[in-house]
Amino acid sequence: MADRKTGVSVCKLLSYFPNKIWASIPEVQIFQNKYYKAQLEALKRDQKGGYNFFVLFRLTLYNQTDKMLEIDWIKTRYIYNDYMRGGFVLKGIKVKDIKNLTIPYDLIHTGDTFSKEIAQVKLIT
């Protein structure tokens, strides 16, 4: 009988907490300067993937300079409401690379477009 009461109490307690919903308004942010054009798009996963909320970003950069651009993932930060909320991870990066700060740079040649899906470290670790 005690187990049943505990279960009901836990359900009542959980019902008081609001559901956390991840949103991005607008879903695509665009920024451009004389060096590059950047687009950051919030991505949802379809029902097959089990997600109906934003879990990733697609970063697209177009190099408008006559030099190669480098993306230093170790120095790249997720900023929300003017606060740094950690870095990003991307496919192919190992946990030891994050811990050892040895994430390799990505290079964007003159006139090339770079696109990669990235996730905030805190959302997946």
Protein backbone atom coordinates (compact mmCIF):
# COMPACT_ATOMS: atom_id res chain seq x y z
CA MET A 1 0.00 0.00 0.00
CA ALA A 2 2.86 2.40 0.76
CA ASP A 3 4.29 1.94 -2.76
CA ARG A 4 0.99 2.96 -4.33
CA LYS A 5 0.81 6.17 -2.27
CA THR A 6 4.41 7.03 -3.15
CA GLY A 7 3.69 6.52 -6.85
CA VAL A 8 0.64 8.79 -6.70
CA SER A 9 2.60 11.44 -4.81
CA VAL A 10 5.39 11.41 -7.40
CA CYS A 11 2.84 11.76 -10.23
CA LYS A 12 1.22 14.71 -8.45
CA LEU A 13 4.60 16.33 -7.88
CA LEU A 14 5.62 15.93 -11.54
CA SER A 15 2.33 17.43 -12.72
CA TYR A 16 3.25 20.75 -11.08
CA PHE A 17 6.38 21.22 -13.21
CA PRO A 18 5.84 22.88 -16.60
CA ASN A 19 7.03 21.06 -19.71
CA LYS A 20 10.24 22.44 -21.19
CA ILE A 21 9.78 23.24 -24.87
CA TRP A 22 12.71 24.27 -27.04
CA ALA A 23 11.83 26.95 -29.57
CA SER A 24 13.64 29.17 -32.05
CA ILE A 25 12.00 32.34 -33.33
CA PRO A 26 12.69 32.79 -36.18
CA GLU A 27 13.85 29.29 -37.06
CA VAL A 28 16.57 30.66 -39.38
CA GLN A 29 18.94 33.47 -38.41
CA ILE A 30 21.03 35.18 -41.11
CA PHE A 31 24.04 37.43 -40.60
CA GLN A 32 26.35 38.96 -43.19
CA ASN A 33 29.46 41.11 -43.13
CA LYS A 34 32.30 41.73 -45.60
CA TYR A 35 33.99 38.44 -44.63
CA TYR A 36 31.19 35.89 -44.70
CA LYS A 37 27.48 35.24 -44.90
CA ALA A 38 26.23 33.01 -42.09
CA GLN A 39 22.98 31.18 -41.64
CA LEU A 40 21.99 29.33 -38.47
CA GLU A 41 18.92 27.15 -38.75
CA ALA A 42 17.30 25.37 -35.81
CA LEU A 43 16.57 21.75 -36.73
CA LYS A 44 13.93 19.35 -35.50
CA ARG A 45 14.13 15.62 -35.90
CA ASP A 46 11.19 13.87 -37.48
CA GLN A 47 8.97 11.47 -35.62
CA LYS A 48 11.15 8.52 -36.74
CA GLY A 49 14.01 10.06 -34.80
CA GLY A 50 11.72 10.53 -31.84
CA TYR A 51 12.05 14.32 -31.56
CA ASN A 52 9.43 16.95 -32.19
CA PHE A 53 11.53 19.82 -30.87
CA PHE A 54 14.74 21.60 -31.81
CA VAL A 55 17.83 19.53 -31.04
CA LEU A 56 20.45 20.71 -33.55
CA PHE A 57 21.49 23.65 -35.65
CA ARG A 58 22.62 23.72 -39.26
CA LEU A 59 25.41 26.23 -39.63
CA THR A 60 26.05 27.43 -43.19
CA LEU A 61 28.86 29.84 -43.98
CA TYR A 62 29.86 31.38 -47.31
CA ASN A 63 33.43 32.74 -47.49
CA GLN A 64 33.33 36.14 -49.23
CA THR A 65 37.06 36.88 -48.81
CA ASP A 66 40.13 36.14 -50.91
CA LYS A 67 41.60 34.14 -47.99
CA MET A 68 40.79 30.88 -46.28
CA LEU A 69 38.59 31.12 -43.17
CA GLU A 70 39.08 28.89 -40.12
CA ILE A 71 36.40 27.82 -37.68
CA ASP A 72 37.95 27.27 -34.27
CA TRP A 73 35.40 25.03 -32.53
CA ILE A 74 37.21 25.32 -29.21
CA LYS A 75 36.54 29.07 -29.14
CA THR A 76 33.03 28.90 -30.63
CA ARG A 77 30.29 29.42 -28.01
CA TYR A 78 26.53 29.12 -27.74
CA ILE A 79 25.15 32.39 -26.38
CA TYR A 80 21.60 32.64 -25.03
CA ASN A 81 20.21 35.82 -23.46
CA ASP A 82 23.71 37.36 -23.45
CA TYR A 83 25.18 34.45 -21.44
CA MET A 84 27.66 31.89 -22.72
CA ARG A 85 26.08 28.45 -22.44
CA GLY A 86 29.03 26.32 -23.56
CA GLY A 87 30.46 25.15 -26.83
CA PHE A 88 29.30 23.09 -29.77
CA VAL A 89 29.89 19.53 -30.86
CA LEU A 90 29.57 18.07 -34.31
CA LYS A 91 29.52 14.68 -35.95
CA GLY A 92 32.86 12.92 -35.82
CA ILE A 93 34.13 14.70 -32.69
CA LYS A 94 35.22 12.36 -29.91
CA VAL A 95 34.53 13.00 -26.22
CA LYS A 96 38.28 13.02 -25.56
CA ASP A 97 38.67 15.83 -28.16
CA ILE A 98 36.18 17.95 -26.22
CA LYS A 99 37.84 17.23 -22.86
CA ASN A 100 41.37 17.76 -24.22
CA LEU A 101 40.40 20.84 -26.25
CA THR A 102 41.74 19.22 -29.43
CA ILE A 103 38.73 19.65 -31.72
CA PRO A 104 40.12 20.14 -35.25
CA TYR A 105 39.51 23.37 -37.15
CA ASP A 106 37.25 23.48 -40.18
CA LEU A 107 38.57 25.40 -43.19
CA ILE A 108 36.50 27.32 -45.74
CA HIS A 109 38.28 28.17 -48.98
CA THR A 110 37.66 31.41 -50.90
CA GLY A 111 34.20 31.41 -52.47
CA ASP A 112 33.23 28.08 -50.85
CA THR A 113 30.18 27.29 -48.77
CA PHE A 114 30.53 25.29 -45.55
CA SER A 115 27.58 23.55 -43.93
CA LYS A 116 27.47 21.32 -40.87
CA GLU A 117 24.96 20.19 -38.25
CA ILE A 118 26.06 21.18 -34.77
CA ALA A 119 24.64 20.73 -31.27
CA GLN A 120 25.15 22.54 -28.02
CA VAL A 121 27.37 20.45 -25.74
CA LYS A 122 25.05 20.83 -22.73
CA LEU A 123 22.10 19.42 -24.64
CA ILE A 124 23.77 16.13 -25.45
CA THR A 125 26.16 15.48 -22.57
